[in-house]
Amino acid sequence: MVTLCALLAIASAACRSGPQAETVQRVFPITEQAAKDVLAQLLEAVGADGLVDYCTRFSSDIPACEDAMKSALAKCLIPAGEPAIVDSAAVRPEKGAGGGRTRGGWVLRLSGRTMDGQQYLSDFFVTTDDQERPRASIPVFWTGVGLSDAPFLADSTRTPQNACPGPG
């Protein structure tokens, strides 16, 4: 016999409880506004504190962020001003290596300039860290970093070149 709750569950997730409800809620754990909030917090903190503990404070993937930061600094790439958000999209979780699921999130396409005037176009992907806090995957946005499964045009990021003085 079909119960009322079973009928409602087909039409909506309202009757779900326990682990199933948690799964439904985490399909897109990050909203567009949450991604914009992470970017705003990051920009405000950098304005106040510079790059001190940047990856630890803002990244869901600290080792990847630290590698990207080292590369950016080795090329003398520093952001100039606040980037513009030129596009935005949800990113669904996918089955990852080893059978687990990757975290979904939200990607903001950012456009801006480095201190030496070069243009960048980057994918700023916001997901959750291990404590379920919203964090940018690799928040070194001024380097033209791209997200392989971003729903934007393929190969549409722009990567600035080495900006250090002298032969490069």
C-alpha atoms as a PDB file:
ATOM      1  CA  MET A   1       0.000   0.000   0.000  1.00  0.00           C
ATOM      2  CA  VAL A   2       1.345   3.411  -0.972  1.00  0.00           C
ATOM      3  CA  THR A   3       1.459   5.867   1.892  1.00  0.00           C
ATOM      4  CA  LEU A   4       0.920   9.590   1.657  1.00  0.00           C
ATOM      5  CA  CYS A   5       4.557  10.224   2.540  1.00  0.00           C
ATOM      6  CA  ALA A   6       5.676   7.895  -0.267  1.00  0.00           C
ATOM      7  CA  LEU A   7       3.573   9.820  -2.765  1.00  0.00           C
ATOM      8  CA  LEU A   8       4.932  13.118  -1.536  1.00  0.00           C
ATOM      9  CA  ALA A   9       8.488  11.796  -1.668  1.00  0.00           C
ATOM     10  CA  ILE A  10       8.079  11.170  -5.368  1.00  0.00           C
ATOM     11  CA  ALA A  11       7.044  14.767  -5.956  1.00  0.00           C
ATOM     12  CA  SER A  12       9.417  16.373  -3.474  1.00  0.00           C
ATOM     13  CA  ALA A  13      12.241  15.608  -1.094  1.00  0.00           C
ATOM     14  CA  ALA A  14      10.263  17.033   1.837  1.00  0.00           C
ATOM     15  CA  CYS A  15       9.455  13.616   3.302  1.00  0.00           C
ATOM     16  CA  ARG A  16      13.054  12.464   3.287  1.00  0.00           C
ATOM     17  CA  SER A  17      14.902  12.253   6.537  1.00  0.00           C
ATOM     18  CA  GLY A  18      18.251  10.956   7.716  1.00  0.00           C
ATOM     19  CA  PRO A  19      21.088  10.255   5.258  1.00  0.00           C
ATOM     20  CA  GLN A  20      18.899  10.584   2.149  1.00  0.00           C
ATOM     21  CA  ALA A  21      17.940  14.156   3.015  1.00  0.00           C
ATOM     22  CA  GLU A  22      21.591  15.009   3.591  1.00  0.00           C
ATOM     23  CA  THR A  23      22.485  13.628   0.150  1.00  0.00           C
ATOM     24  CA  VAL A  24      19.735  15.666  -1.510  1.00  0.00           C
ATOM     25  CA  GLN A  25      20.875  18.867   0.235  1.00  0.00           C
ATOM     26  CA  ARG A  26      24.511  18.382  -0.804  1.00  0.00           C
ATOM     27  CA  VAL A  27      23.932  18.062  -4.549  1.00  0.00           C
ATOM     28  CA  PHE A  28      24.917  21.734  -4.890  1.00  0.00           C
ATOM     29  CA  PRO A  29      26.419  22.581  -1.507  1.00  0.00           C
ATOM     30  CA  ILE A  30      27.457  26.033  -2.700  1.00  0.00           C
ATOM     31  CA  THR A  31      25.170  28.668  -4.169  1.00  0.00           C
ATOM     32  CA  GLU A  32      26.168  31.519  -6.440  1.00  0.00           C
ATOM     33  CA  GLN A  33      25.807  33.950  -3.539  1.00  0.00           C
ATOM     34  CA  ALA A  34      28.025  31.766  -1.322  1.00  0.00           C
ATOM     35  CA  ALA A  35      30.703  31.764  -4.057  1.00  0.00           C
ATOM     36  CA  LYS A  36      30.478  35.555  -4.349  1.00  0.00           C
ATOM     37  CA  ASP A  37      30.710  35.840  -0.556  1.00  0.00           C
ATOM     38  CA  VAL A  38      33.904  33.735  -0.509  1.00  0.00           C
ATOM     39  CA  LEU A  39      35.414  35.980  -3.187  1.00  0.00           C
ATOM     40  CA  ALA A  40      34.406  39.132  -1.273  1.00  0.00           C
ATOM     41  CA  GLN A  41      35.860  37.800   2.003  1.00  0.00           C
ATOM     42  CA  LEU A  42      39.074  36.834   0.245  1.00  0.00           C
ATOM     43  CA  LEU A  43      39.443  40.258  -1.413  1.00  0.00           C
ATOM     44  CA  GLU A  44      38.727  42.071   1.857  1.00  0.00           C
ATOM     45  CA  ALA A  45      41.244  39.981   3.800  1.00  0.00           C
ATOM     46  CA  VAL A  46      43.947  40.385   1.155  1.00  0.00           C
ATOM     47  CA  GLY A  47      43.416  44.139   1.256  1.00  0.00           C
ATOM     48  CA  ALA A  48      43.922  44.094   5.025  1.00  0.00           C
ATOM     49  CA  ASP A  49      46.515  41.335   5.520  1.00  0.00           C
ATOM     50  CA  GLY A  50      48.130  40.718   2.118  1.00  0.00           C
ATOM     51  CA  LEU A  51      48.871  37.099   1.272  1.00  0.00           C
ATOM     52  CA  VAL A  52      49.655  35.949   4.837  1.00  0.00           C
ATOM     53  CA  ASP A  53      48.210  32.433   5.308  1.00  0.00           C
ATOM     54  CA  TYR A  54      46.242  32.956   2.081  1.00  0.00           C
ATOM     55  CA  CYS A  55      45.931  29.279   1.113  1.00  0.00           C
ATOM     56  CA  THR A  56      45.248  28.095   4.665  1.00  0.00           C
ATOM     57  CA  ARG A  57      42.448  30.627   5.104  1.00  0.00           C
ATOM     58  CA  PHE A  58      40.740  30.389   1.725  1.00  0.00           C
ATOM     59  CA  SER A  59      41.489  27.096  -0.047  1.00  0.00           C
ATOM     60  CA  SER A  60      39.801  23.700   0.098  1.00  0.00           C
ATOM     61  CA  ASP A  61      42.976  22.225  -1.486  1.00  0.00           C
ATOM     62  CA  ILE A  62      45.868  23.815   0.403  1.00  0.00           C
ATOM     63  CA  PRO A  63      48.746  21.951  -1.351  1.00  0.00           C
ATOM     64  CA  ALA A  64      47.405  22.828  -4.832  1.00  0.00           C
ATOM     65  CA  CYS A  65      46.862  26.433  -3.737  1.00  0.00           C
ATOM     66  CA  GLU A  66      50.404  26.690  -2.337  1.00  0.00           C
ATOM     67  CA  ASP A  67      51.839  25.332  -5.608  1.00  0.00           C
ATOM     68  CA  ALA A  68      49.792  27.840  -7.622  1.00  0.00           C
ATOM     69  CA  MET A  69      50.868  30.668  -5.302  1.00  0.00           C
ATOM     70  CA  LYS A  70      54.572  29.744  -5.567  1.00  0.00           C
ATOM     71  CA  SER A  71      54.250  29.684  -9.352  1.00  0.00           C
ATOM     72  CA  ALA A  72      52.463  33.062  -9.413  1.00  0.00           C
ATOM     73  CA  LEU A  73      55.056  34.703  -7.169  1.00  0.00           C
ATOM     74  CA  ALA A  74      57.954  33.171  -9.137  1.00  0.00           C
ATOM     75  CA  LYS A  75      56.462  34.864 -12.228  1.00  0.00           C
ATOM     76  CA  CYS A  76      55.884  38.142 -10.331  1.00  0.00           C
ATOM     77  CA  LEU A  77      52.131  37.889 -10.950  1.00  0.00           C
ATOM     78  CA  ILE A  78      50.175  40.027  -8.492  1.00  0.00           C
ATOM     79  CA  PRO A  79      46.494  40.942  -8.892  1.00  0.00           C
ATOM     80  CA  ALA A  80      45.603  44.597  -9.461  1.00  0.00           C
ATOM     81  CA  GLY A  81      42.237  45.578  -8.081  1.00  0.00           C
ATOM     82  CA  GLU A  82      39.024  43.627  -7.842  1.00  0.00           C
ATOM     83  CA  PRO A  83      38.172  41.214 -10.666  1.00  0.00           C
ATOM     84  CA  ALA A  84      34.872  41.373 -12.530  1.00  0.00           C
ATOM     85  CA  ILE A  85      32.540  38.373 -12.490  1.00  0.00           C
ATOM     86  CA  VAL A  86      31.739  37.729 -16.155  1.00  0.00           C
ATOM     87  CA  ASP A  87      29.944  34.383 -15.846  1.00  0.00           C
ATOM     88  CA  SER A  88      28.754  31.953 -13.203  1.00  0.00           C
ATOM     89  CA  ALA A  89      27.512  28.362 -13.090  1.00  0.00           C
ATOM     90  CA  ALA A  90      26.785  25.419 -10.810  1.00  0.00           C
ATOM     91  CA  VAL A  91      29.126  22.423 -11.001  1.00  0.00           C
ATOM     92  CA  ARG A  92      27.592  19.042 -10.236  1.00  0.00           C
ATOM     93  CA  PRO A  93      29.427  16.475  -8.141  1.00  0.00           C
ATOM     94  CA  GLU A  94      30.875  13.677 -10.247  1.00  0.00           C
ATOM     95  CA  LYS A  95      32.216  10.213  -9.640  1.00  0.00           C
ATOM     96  CA  GLY A  96      35.902  10.619  -8.904  1.00  0.00           C
ATOM     97  CA  ALA A  97      38.894   8.318  -9.020  1.00  0.00           C
ATOM     98  CA  GLY A  98      38.551   5.448  -6.595  1.00  0.00           C
ATOM     99  CA  GLY A  99      34.757   5.420  -6.807  1.00  0.00           C
ATOM    100  CA  GLY A 100      34.132   8.377  -4.497  1.00  0.00           C
ATOM    101  CA  ARG A 101      32.270  11.504  -5.523  1.00  0.00           C
ATOM    102  CA  THR A 102      33.898  14.841  -6.158  1.00  0.00           C
ATOM    103  CA  ARG A 103      32.347  17.796  -4.402  1.00  0.00           C
ATOM    104  CA  GLY A 104      30.036  19.973  -6.365  1.00  0.00           C
ATOM    105  CA  GLY A 105      30.130  23.706  -6.056  1.00  0.00           C
ATOM    106  CA  TRP A 106      29.911  26.940  -7.974  1.00  0.00           C
ATOM    107  CA  VAL A 107      32.338  28.459 -10.450  1.00  0.00           C
ATOM    108  CA  LEU A 108      32.693  32.179 -11.094  1.00  0.00           C
ATOM    109  CA  ARG A 109      34.462  33.267 -14.285  1.00  0.00           C
ATOM    110  CA  LEU A 110      36.662  36.206 -13.275  1.00  0.00           C
ATOM    111  CA  SER A 111      38.279  38.815 -15.498  1.00  0.00           C
ATOM    112  CA  GLY A 112      40.882  41.270 -14.325  1.00  0.00           C
ATOM    113  CA  ARG A 113      44.427  42.540 -14.680  1.00  0.00           C
ATOM    114  CA  THR A 114      47.706  41.843 -12.972  1.00  0.00           C
ATOM    115  CA  MET A 115      49.845  44.661 -11.510  1.00  0.00           C
ATOM    116  CA  ASP A 116      51.833  44.884 -14.758  1.00  0.00           C
ATOM    117  CA  GLY A 117      48.616  45.286 -16.808  1.00  0.00           C
ATOM    118  CA  GLN A 118      48.211  41.795 -18.260  1.00  0.00           C
ATOM    119  CA  GLN A 119      44.660  40.501 -18.570  1.00  0.00           C
ATOM    120  CA  TYR A 120      43.600  37.235 -16.962  1.00  0.00           C
ATOM    121  CA  LEU A 121      40.420  35.215 -17.290  1.00  0.00           C
ATOM    122  CA  SER A 122      40.094  32.552 -14.590  1.00  0.00           C
ATOM    123  CA  ASP A 123      37.677  30.037 -13.131  1.00  0.00           C
ATOM    124  CA  PHE A 124      37.168  30.635  -9.395  1.00  0.00           C
ATOM    125  CA  PHE A 125      35.697  27.356  -8.153  1.00  0.00           C
ATOM    126  CA  VAL A 126      34.092  27.371  -4.703  1.00  0.00           C
ATOM    127  CA  THR A 127      33.295  24.106  -2.950  1.00  0.00           C
ATOM    128  CA  THR A 128      33.435  22.927   0.667  1.00  0.00           C
ATOM    129  CA  ASP A 129      36.408  21.803   2.696  1.00  0.00           C
ATOM    130  CA  ASP A 130      36.483  18.782   5.017  1.00  0.00           C
ATOM    131  CA  GLN A 131      34.541  20.735   7.669  1.00  0.00           C
ATOM    132  CA  GLU A 132      31.849  21.678   5.109  1.00  0.00           C
ATOM    133  CA  ARG A 133      32.951  25.345   5.059  1.00  0.00           C
ATOM    134  CA  PRO A 134      32.784  27.168   1.710  1.00  0.00           C
ATOM    135  CA  ARG A 135      36.303  27.545   0.288  1.00  0.00           C
ATOM    136  CA  ALA A 136      37.836  28.271  -3.091  1.00  0.00           C
ATOM    137  CA  SER A 137      39.525  25.249  -4.593  1.00  0.00           C
ATOM    138  CA  ILE A 138      42.519  27.237  -5.883  1.00  0.00           C
ATOM    139  CA  PRO A 139      41.977  30.885  -4.959  1.00  0.00           C
ATOM    140  CA  VAL A 140      45.015  32.160  -6.906  1.00  0.00           C
ATOM    141  CA  PHE A 141      42.578  33.626  -9.434  1.00  0.00           C
ATOM    142  CA  TRP A 142      44.925  36.110 -11.158  1.00  0.00           C
ATOM    143  CA  THR A 143      46.904  33.330 -12.889  1.00  0.00           C
ATOM    144  CA  GLY A 144      44.322  32.234 -15.446  1.00  0.00           C
ATOM    145  CA  VAL A 145      43.559  28.998 -13.606  1.00  0.00           C
ATOM    146  CA  GLY A 146      40.843  26.948 -15.290  1.00  0.00           C
ATOM    147  CA  LEU A 147      38.396  24.306 -14.105  1.00  0.00           C
ATOM    148  CA  SER A 148      38.468  21.280 -16.413  1.00  0.00           C
ATOM    149  CA  ASP A 149      34.743  20.624 -16.138  1.00  0.00           C
ATOM    150  CA  ALA A 150      33.588  24.249 -16.061  1.00  0.00           C
ATOM    151  CA  PRO A 151      30.471  24.762 -18.181  1.00  0.00           C
ATOM    152  CA  PHE A 152      32.069  27.638 -20.086  1.00  0.00           C
ATOM    153  CA  LEU A 153      33.780  27.541 -23.466  1.00  0.00           C
ATOM    154  CA  ALA A 154      36.714  25.127 -23.517  1.00  0.00           C
ATOM    155  CA  ASP A 155      40.183  26.696 -23.412  1.00  0.00           C
ATOM    156  CA  SER A 156      38.692  30.108 -22.728  1.00  0.00           C
ATOM    157  CA  THR A 157      40.884  31.121 -19.787  1.00  0.00           C
ATOM    158  CA  ARG A 158      43.671  33.672 -20.323  1.00  0.00           C
ATOM    159  CA  THR A 159      46.956  33.095 -18.545  1.00  0.00           C
ATOM    160  CA  PRO A 160      49.302  36.024 -17.941  1.00  0.00           C
ATOM    161  CA  GLN A 161      52.963  35.586 -18.863  1.00  0.00           C
ATOM    162  CA  ASN A 162      55.997  35.992 -16.615  1.00  0.00           C
ATOM    163  CA  ALA A 163      56.035  39.588 -15.342  1.00  0.00           C
ATOM    164  CA  CYS A 164      59.444  39.552 -13.623  1.00  0.00           C
ATOM    165  CA  PRO A 165      61.987  42.093 -14.874  1.00  0.00           C
ATOM    166  CA  GLY A 166      64.802  40.811 -17.054  1.00  0.00           C
ATOM    167  CA  PRO A 167      64.987  37.737 -19.272  1.00  0.00           C
ATOM    168  CA  GLY A 168      62.212  35.451 -18.443  1.00  0.00           C
END
